[in-house]
C-alpha atoms as a PDB file:
ATOM      1  CA  UNK A   1     -37.872   0.695 -36.508  1.00  0.00           C
ATOM      2  CA  UNK A   2     -40.647   1.113 -33.936  1.00  0.00           C
ATOM      3  CA  UNK A   3     -39.674   3.255 -30.995  1.00  0.00           C
ATOM      4  CA  UNK A   4     -41.365   6.068 -29.101  1.00  0.00           C
ATOM      5  CA  UNK A   5     -39.502   9.334 -28.985  1.00  0.00           C
ATOM      6  CA  UNK A   6     -40.216  12.373 -26.845  1.00  0.00           C
ATOM      7  CA  UNK A   7     -40.277  15.289 -29.248  1.00  0.00           C
ATOM      8  CA  UNK A   8     -42.838  17.814 -27.998  1.00  0.00           C
ATOM      9  CA  UNK A   9     -42.320  20.491 -25.371  1.00  0.00           C
ATOM     10  CA  UNK A  10     -45.155  20.903 -22.883  1.00  0.00           C
ATOM     11  CA  UNK A  11     -45.261  24.658 -23.494  1.00  0.00           C
ATOM     12  CA  UNK A  12     -44.266  25.705 -26.984  1.00  0.00           C
ATOM     13  CA  UNK A  13     -44.356  29.391 -26.091  1.00  0.00           C
ATOM     14  CA  UNK A  14     -41.637  29.284 -23.451  1.00  0.00           C
ATOM     15  CA  UNK A  15     -37.993  29.813 -24.320  1.00  0.00           C
ATOM     16  CA  UNK A  16     -36.072  26.549 -24.457  1.00  0.00           C
ATOM     17  CA  UNK A  17     -32.394  26.641 -23.506  1.00  0.00           C
ATOM     18  CA  UNK A  18     -29.678  24.837 -25.392  1.00  0.00           C
ATOM     19  CA  UNK A  19     -29.157  22.678 -22.298  1.00  0.00           C
ATOM     20  CA  UNK A  20     -32.794  21.548 -22.386  1.00  0.00           C
ATOM     21  CA  UNK A  21     -32.596  20.898 -26.108  1.00  0.00           C
ATOM     22  CA  UNK A  22     -29.443  18.829 -25.738  1.00  0.00           C
ATOM     23  CA  UNK A  23     -30.882  16.868 -22.814  1.00  0.00           C
ATOM     24  CA  UNK A  24     -33.972  15.792 -24.728  1.00  0.00           C
ATOM     25  CA  UNK A  25     -31.903  15.018 -27.830  1.00  0.00           C
ATOM     26  CA  UNK A  26     -29.424  12.925 -25.831  1.00  0.00           C
ATOM     27  CA  UNK A  27     -32.252  11.041 -24.133  1.00  0.00           C
ATOM     28  CA  UNK A  28     -33.771  10.132 -27.481  1.00  0.00           C
ATOM     29  CA  UNK A  29     -30.368   9.425 -29.008  1.00  0.00           C
ATOM     30  CA  UNK A  30     -29.693   6.810 -26.360  1.00  0.00           C
ATOM     31  CA  UNK A  31     -33.099   5.221 -26.988  1.00  0.00           C
ATOM     32  CA  UNK A  32     -32.397   5.107 -30.718  1.00  0.00           C
ATOM     33  CA  UNK A  33     -29.011   3.552 -30.022  1.00  0.00           C
ATOM     34  CA  UNK A  34     -30.522   0.887 -27.786  1.00  0.00           C
ATOM     35  CA  UNK A  35     -33.088  -0.011 -30.424  1.00  0.00           C
ATOM     36  CA  UNK A  36     -30.363  -0.147 -33.058  1.00  0.00           C
ATOM     37  CA  UNK A  37     -28.334  -2.479 -30.862  1.00  0.00           C
ATOM     38  CA  UNK A  38     -31.399  -4.676 -30.446  1.00  0.00           C
ATOM     39  CA  UNK A  39     -31.845  -4.832 -34.209  1.00  0.00           C
ATOM     40  CA  UNK A  40     -28.235  -5.995 -34.598  1.00  0.00           C
ATOM     41  CA  UNK A  41     -28.777  -8.691 -31.983  1.00  0.00           C
ATOM     42  CA  UNK A  42     -32.042  -9.759 -33.583  1.00  0.00           C
ATOM     43  CA  UNK A  43     -30.101 -10.431 -36.789  1.00  0.00           C
ATOM     44  CA  UNK A  44     -28.011 -12.925 -34.763  1.00  0.00           C
ATOM     45  CA  UNK A  45     -24.727 -11.139 -35.243  1.00  0.00           C
ATOM     46  CA  UNK A  46     -22.160 -12.254 -32.704  1.00  0.00           C
ATOM     47  CA  UNK A  47     -22.369 -10.220 -29.498  1.00  0.00           C
ATOM     48  CA  UNK A  48     -21.124 -12.323 -26.614  1.00  0.00           C
ATOM     49  CA  UNK A  49     -20.715  -9.892 -23.725  1.00  0.00           C
ATOM     50  CA  UNK A  50     -22.317  -6.847 -22.134  1.00  0.00           C
ATOM     51  CA  UNK A  51     -19.013  -5.075 -22.718  1.00  0.00           C
ATOM     52  CA  UNK A  52     -19.497  -5.485 -26.466  1.00  0.00           C
ATOM     53  CA  UNK A  53     -22.957  -3.982 -26.152  1.00  0.00           C
ATOM     54  CA  UNK A  54     -21.519  -0.906 -24.452  1.00  0.00           C
ATOM     55  CA  UNK A  55     -18.880  -0.607 -27.175  1.00  0.00           C
ATOM     56  CA  UNK A  56     -21.506  -0.790 -29.904  1.00  0.00           C
ATOM     57  CA  UNK A  57     -23.532   1.881 -28.137  1.00  0.00           C
ATOM     58  CA  UNK A  58     -20.431   4.075 -28.007  1.00  0.00           C
ATOM     59  CA  UNK A  59     -19.940   3.640 -31.755  1.00  0.00           C
ATOM     60  CA  UNK A  60     -23.559   4.532 -32.487  1.00  0.00           C
ATOM     61  CA  UNK A  61     -23.412   7.575 -30.211  1.00  0.00           C
ATOM     62  CA  UNK A  62     -20.119   8.787 -31.689  1.00  0.00           C
ATOM     63  CA  UNK A  63     -21.611   8.553 -35.162  1.00  0.00           C
ATOM     64  CA  UNK A  64     -24.746  10.467 -34.145  1.00  0.00           C
ATOM     65  CA  UNK A  65     -22.782  13.228 -32.411  1.00  0.00           C
ATOM     66  CA  UNK A  66     -20.643  13.743 -35.490  1.00  0.00           C
ATOM     67  CA  UNK A  67     -23.715  13.559 -37.721  1.00  0.00           C
ATOM     68  CA  UNK A  68     -25.349  16.367 -35.751  1.00  0.00           C
ATOM     69  CA  UNK A  69     -22.325  18.559 -36.424  1.00  0.00           C
ATOM     70  CA  UNK A  70     -22.778  17.892 -40.144  1.00  0.00           C
ATOM     71  CA  UNK A  71     -26.501  18.552 -40.002  1.00  0.00           C
ATOM     72  CA  UNK A  72     -26.199  21.981 -38.355  1.00  0.00           C
ATOM     73  CA  UNK A  73     -22.938  23.016 -40.020  1.00  0.00           C
ATOM     74  CA  UNK A  74     -24.508  25.479 -42.446  1.00  0.00           C
ATOM     75  CA  UNK A  75     -27.211  26.861 -40.157  1.00  0.00           C
ATOM     76  CA  UNK A  76     -25.471  27.441 -36.806  1.00  0.00           C
ATOM     77  CA  UNK A  77     -22.380  29.616 -36.566  1.00  0.00           C
ATOM     78  CA  UNK A  78     -19.067  28.034 -35.645  1.00  0.00           C
ATOM     79  CA  UNK A  79     -18.955  29.213 -32.052  1.00  0.00           C
ATOM     80  CA  UNK A  80     -22.508  28.201 -31.177  1.00  0.00           C
ATOM     81  CA  UNK A  81     -22.106  24.906 -33.011  1.00  0.00           C
ATOM     82  CA  UNK A  82     -19.036  24.163 -30.932  1.00  0.00           C
ATOM     83  CA  UNK A  83     -20.955  24.797 -27.708  1.00  0.00           C
ATOM     84  CA  UNK A  84     -23.831  22.617 -28.909  1.00  0.00           C
ATOM     85  CA  UNK A  85     -21.587  19.671 -29.789  1.00  0.00           C
ATOM     86  CA  UNK A  86     -19.661  20.061 -26.531  1.00  0.00           C
ATOM     87  CA  UNK A  87     -22.818  19.868 -24.434  1.00  0.00           C
ATOM     88  CA  UNK A  88     -24.144  16.983 -26.487  1.00  0.00           C
ATOM     89  CA  UNK A  89     -20.939  14.968 -26.088  1.00  0.00           C
ATOM     90  CA  UNK A  90     -20.947  15.578 -22.341  1.00  0.00           C
ATOM     91  CA  UNK A  91     -24.562  14.508 -21.974  1.00  0.00           C
ATOM     92  CA  UNK A  92     -23.953  11.319 -23.949  1.00  0.00           C
ATOM     93  CA  UNK A  93     -20.877  10.639 -21.810  1.00  0.00           C
ATOM     94  CA  UNK A  94     -23.211  10.678 -18.797  1.00  0.00           C
ATOM     95  CA  UNK A  95     -25.271   7.888 -20.376  1.00  0.00           C
ATOM     96  CA  UNK A  96     -22.141   5.915 -21.192  1.00  0.00           C
ATOM     97  CA  UNK A  97     -20.847   6.355 -17.645  1.00  0.00           C
ATOM     98  CA  UNK A  98     -24.089   5.177 -16.036  1.00  0.00           C
ATOM     99  CA  UNK A  99     -24.507   2.141 -18.275  1.00  0.00           C
ATOM    100  CA  UNK A 100     -20.855   1.067 -18.254  1.00  0.00           C
ATOM    101  CA  UNK A 101     -20.786   1.325 -14.469  1.00  0.00           C
ATOM    102  CA  UNK A 102     -23.781  -1.011 -14.288  1.00  0.00           C
ATOM    103  CA  UNK A 103     -21.872  -3.527 -16.414  1.00  0.00           C
ATOM    104  CA  UNK A 104     -18.285  -3.169 -15.213  1.00  0.00           C
ATOM    105  CA  UNK A 105     -18.611  -1.647 -11.745  1.00  0.00           C
ATOM    106  CA  UNK A 106     -17.362   1.666 -10.381  1.00  0.00           C
ATOM    107  CA  UNK A 107     -14.829   3.553 -12.477  1.00  0.00           C
ATOM    108  CA  UNK A 108     -14.221   6.389 -14.910  1.00  0.00           C
ATOM    109  CA  UNK A 109     -15.800   5.468 -18.246  1.00  0.00           C
ATOM    110  CA  UNK A 110     -16.103   9.020 -19.537  1.00  0.00           C
ATOM    111  CA  UNK A 111     -12.402   9.432 -20.261  1.00  0.00           C
ATOM    112  CA  UNK A 112     -12.094   6.413 -22.600  1.00  0.00           C
ATOM    113  CA  UNK A 113     -15.354   7.427 -24.257  1.00  0.00           C
ATOM    114  CA  UNK A 114     -14.018  10.928 -24.946  1.00  0.00           C
ATOM    115  CA  UNK A 115     -10.824   9.387 -26.312  1.00  0.00           C
ATOM    116  CA  UNK A 116     -12.892   7.206 -28.619  1.00  0.00           C
ATOM    117  CA  UNK A 117     -14.852  10.249 -29.795  1.00  0.00           C
ATOM    118  CA  UNK A 118     -11.615  12.006 -30.706  1.00  0.00           C
ATOM    119  CA  UNK A 119     -10.518   8.994 -32.731  1.00  0.00           C
ATOM    120  CA  UNK A 120     -13.850   8.604 -34.474  1.00  0.00           C
ATOM    121  CA  UNK A 121     -14.156  12.286 -35.361  1.00  0.00           C
ATOM    122  CA  UNK A 122     -10.795  12.084 -37.081  1.00  0.00           C
ATOM    123  CA  UNK A 123     -12.014   9.115 -39.097  1.00  0.00           C
ATOM    124  CA  UNK A 124     -15.349  10.704 -39.990  1.00  0.00           C
ATOM    125  CA  UNK A 125     -13.926  14.141 -40.804  1.00  0.00           C
ATOM    126  CA  UNK A 126     -12.697  13.067 -44.239  1.00  0.00           C
ATOM    127  CA  UNK A 127     -15.859  11.174 -45.206  1.00  0.00           C
ATOM    128  CA  UNK A 128     -18.678  12.464 -47.401  1.00  0.00           C
ATOM    129  CA  UNK A 129     -21.930  13.995 -46.224  1.00  0.00           C
ATOM    130  CA  UNK A 130     -24.899  14.140 -48.611  1.00  0.00           C
ATOM    131  CA  UNK A 131     -26.190  17.643 -47.949  1.00  0.00           C
ATOM    132  CA  UNK A 132     -29.119  17.278 -50.335  1.00  0.00           C
ATOM    133  CA  UNK A 133     -30.473  14.266 -48.464  1.00  0.00           C
ATOM    134  CA  UNK A 134     -29.063  15.494 -45.145  1.00  0.00           C
ATOM    135  CA  UNK A 135     -27.536  12.125 -44.351  1.00  0.00           C
ATOM    136  CA  UNK A 136     -24.270  10.242 -44.331  1.00  0.00           C
ATOM    137  CA  UNK A 137     -22.711   9.613 -47.700  1.00  0.00           C
ATOM    138  CA  UNK A 138     -21.325   6.242 -48.749  1.00  0.00           C
ATOM    139  CA  UNK A 139     -17.868   6.717 -47.236  1.00  0.00           C
ATOM    140  CA  UNK A 140     -19.255   7.899 -43.898  1.00  0.00           C
ATOM    141  CA  UNK A 141     -21.663   4.976 -43.737  1.00  0.00           C
ATOM    142  CA  UNK A 142     -18.839   2.588 -44.589  1.00  0.00           C
ATOM    143  CA  UNK A 143     -16.676   4.061 -41.824  1.00  0.00           C
ATOM    144  CA  UNK A 144     -19.496   3.604 -39.333  1.00  0.00           C
ATOM    145  CA  UNK A 145     -20.093   0.031 -40.478  1.00  0.00           C
ATOM    146  CA  UNK A 146     -16.418  -0.802 -40.100  1.00  0.00           C
ATOM    147  CA  UNK A 147     -16.408   0.572 -36.567  1.00  0.00           C
ATOM    148  CA  UNK A 148     -19.361  -1.608 -35.611  1.00  0.00           C
ATOM    149  CA  UNK A 149     -17.895  -4.658 -37.339  1.00  0.00           C
ATOM    150  CA  UNK A 150     -14.675  -4.305 -35.361  1.00  0.00           C
ATOM    151  CA  UNK A 151     -16.612  -4.814 -32.118  1.00  0.00           C
ATOM    152  CA  UNK A 152     -18.348  -8.009 -33.221  1.00  0.00           C
ATOM    153  CA  UNK A 153     -16.958 -11.522 -33.163  1.00  0.00           C
ATOM    154  CA  UNK A 154     -14.850 -12.572 -36.130  1.00  0.00           C
ATOM    155  CA  UNK A 155     -17.633 -14.812 -37.428  1.00  0.00           C
ATOM    156  CA  UNK A 156     -19.740 -11.834 -38.489  1.00  0.00           C
ATOM    157  CA  UNK A 157     -17.264  -9.098 -39.299  1.00  0.00           C
ATOM    158  CA  UNK A 158     -17.370 -10.007 -42.983  1.00  0.00           C
ATOM    159  CA  UNK A 159     -21.152  -9.964 -43.259  1.00  0.00           C
ATOM    160  CA  UNK A 160     -22.325  -7.197 -40.970  1.00  0.00           C
ATOM    161  CA  UNK A 161     -20.913  -4.305 -43.006  1.00  0.00           C
ATOM    162  CA  UNK A 162     -23.474  -4.465 -45.815  1.00  0.00           C
ATOM    163  CA  UNK A 163     -26.312  -4.923 -43.335  1.00  0.00           C
ATOM    164  CA  UNK A 164     -25.247  -1.912 -41.272  1.00  0.00           C
ATOM    165  CA  UNK A 165     -24.742   0.361 -44.248  1.00  0.00           C
ATOM    166  CA  UNK A 166     -27.604  -0.698 -46.500  1.00  0.00           C
ATOM    167  CA  UNK A 167     -30.351  -1.704 -44.063  1.00  0.00           C
ATOM    168  CA  UNK A 168     -29.829  -0.497 -40.513  1.00  0.00           C
ATOM    169  CA  UNK A 169     -28.233   2.915 -41.026  1.00  0.00           C
ATOM    170  CA  UNK A 170     -30.973   4.347 -43.285  1.00  0.00           C
ATOM    171  CA  UNK A 171     -33.604   3.097 -40.842  1.00  0.00           C
ATOM    172  CA  UNK A 172     -32.266   4.517 -37.605  1.00  0.00           C
ATOM    173  CA  UNK A 173     -30.894   7.680 -39.152  1.00  0.00           C
ATOM    174  CA  UNK A 174     -34.303   8.629 -40.513  1.00  0.00           C
ATOM    175  CA  UNK A 175     -35.623   8.485 -36.972  1.00  0.00           C
ATOM    176  CA  UNK A 176     -32.645  10.439 -35.657  1.00  0.00           C
ATOM    177  CA  UNK A 177     -33.058  13.209 -38.208  1.00  0.00           C
ATOM    178  CA  UNK A 178     -36.749  13.444 -37.301  1.00  0.00           C
ATOM    179  CA  UNK A 179     -35.757  13.801 -33.650  1.00  0.00           C
ATOM    180  CA  UNK A 180     -33.183  16.512 -34.366  1.00  0.00           C
ATOM    181  CA  UNK A 181     -35.776  18.386 -36.417  1.00  0.00           C
ATOM    182  CA  UNK A 182     -38.420  18.028 -33.705  1.00  0.00           C
ATOM    183  CA  UNK A 183     -36.286  19.837 -31.119  1.00  0.00           C
ATOM    184  CA  UNK A 184     -35.750  22.714 -33.515  1.00  0.00           C
ATOM    185  CA  UNK A 185     -32.112  22.238 -34.492  1.00  0.00           C
ATOM    186  CA  UNK A 186     -32.696  21.671 -38.210  1.00  0.00           C
ATOM    187  CA  UNK A 187     -35.266  22.290 -40.896  1.00  0.00           C
ATOM    188  CA  UNK A 188     -35.773  20.527 -44.200  1.00  0.00           C
ATOM    189  CA  UNK A 189     -32.839  21.337 -46.444  1.00  0.00           C
ATOM    190  CA  UNK A 190     -32.154  21.191 -50.159  1.00  0.00           C
ATOM    191  CA  UNK A 191     -28.702  21.679 -51.568  1.00  0.00           C
ATOM    192  CA  UNK A 192     -25.694  20.238 -53.293  1.00  0.00           C
ATOM    193  CA  UNK A 193     -23.625  17.383 -51.868  1.00  0.00           C
ATOM    194  CA  UNK A 194     -20.934  18.647 -49.528  1.00  0.00           C
ATOM    195  CA  UNK A 195     -18.149  17.625 -47.225  1.00  0.00           C
ATOM    196  CA  UNK A 196     -17.211  19.176 -43.934  1.00  0.00           C
ATOM    197  CA  UNK A 197     -14.527  21.793 -44.348  1.00  0.00           C
ATOM    198  CA  UNK A 198     -12.546  21.024 -41.205  1.00  0.00           C
ATOM    199  CA  UNK A 199     -13.803  23.870 -38.995  1.00  0.00           C
ATOM    200  CA  UNK A 200     -14.187  22.004 -35.719  1.00  0.00           C
ATOM    201  CA  UNK A 201     -14.220  22.893 -32.055  1.00  0.00           C
ATOM    202  CA  UNK A 202     -12.448  21.875 -28.913  1.00  0.00           C
ATOM    203  CA  UNK A 203     -14.781  20.114 -26.515  1.00  0.00           C
ATOM    204  CA  UNK A 204     -14.011  20.319 -22.808  1.00  0.00           C
ATOM    205  CA  UNK A 205     -16.028  19.791 -19.660  1.00  0.00           C
ATOM    206  CA  UNK A 206     -15.769  23.361 -18.437  1.00  0.00           C
ATOM    207  CA  UNK A 207     -18.875  25.479 -18.030  1.00  0.00           C
ATOM    208  CA  UNK A 208     -17.579  28.547 -19.854  1.00  0.00           C
ATOM    209  CA  UNK A 209     -18.431  29.161 -23.475  1.00  0.00           C
ATOM    210  CA  UNK A 210     -15.886  27.833 -25.909  1.00  0.00           C
ATOM    211  CA  UNK A 211     -13.784  30.075 -28.033  1.00  0.00           C
ATOM    212  CA  UNK A 212     -13.678  29.492 -31.751  1.00  0.00           C
ATOM    213  CA  UNK A 213     -10.730  27.371 -32.818  1.00  0.00           C
ATOM    214  CA  UNK A 214      -9.515  26.073 -36.130  1.00  0.00           C
ATOM    215  CA  UNK A 215      -8.704  22.402 -35.706  1.00  0.00           C
ATOM    216  CA  UNK A 216      -8.741  19.310 -37.930  1.00  0.00           C
ATOM    217  CA  UNK A 217     -10.693  17.312 -35.326  1.00  0.00           C
ATOM    218  CA  UNK A 218     -12.522  17.519 -32.049  1.00  0.00           C
ATOM    219  CA  UNK A 219     -10.627  17.321 -28.797  1.00  0.00           C
ATOM    220  CA  UNK A 220     -12.602  16.120 -25.827  1.00  0.00           C
ATOM    221  CA  UNK A 221     -11.219  16.373 -22.316  1.00  0.00           C
ATOM    222  CA  UNK A 222     -12.539  14.191 -19.521  1.00  0.00           C
ATOM    223  CA  UNK A 223     -14.218  15.809 -16.538  1.00  0.00           C
ATOM    224  CA  UNK A 224     -12.909  12.988 -14.308  1.00  0.00           C
ATOM    225  CA  UNK A 225     -16.367  12.295 -12.879  1.00  0.00           C
ATOM    226  CA  UNK A 226     -17.151   8.726 -11.805  1.00  0.00           C
END
């Protein structure tokens, strides 16, 4: 996958806020998602409308947000991790809002995106994460592939799953992990395979720092922006 990513800060000595880190990560995440969508289209899988393209982007983004939570789970404490994922989800919702508005016209596209994130995080929460390789395990990749397949036309739903899981996912996730590492959120890890233990955080659109909560999934509340 050939795509330019912005990974270097102009001044490495200055302190970089979590907001800046999330902004640059979200910017690159959207670029990675767009390239991934293009790869799917280049394989001639059935995408008939711009609405489907937005839906596929939402699925890719939801997967990458959840994957970040897995990647930093053992290195960032629960409270800070919750703040990080909250900010990241909000920033990606901004991209969804802007692009969906271009396609569908004025409206609130954040709220349905947050609702989709809640649904996807429930589905991904019980899937495996390969901590040694720092990547999605088989069940998580299969869940992602199924979510993408559900958006496509019926002609390709049977065939796209293997392509997504075996070809496309390893390609774009390698680039994503490199991006996450480049902004300082992860380092190279070695360890045993692991699954997430269910310690998640409530995501809202308020400015205050989140309190630690013990929940089986994320909850994302819309900020009602249009």
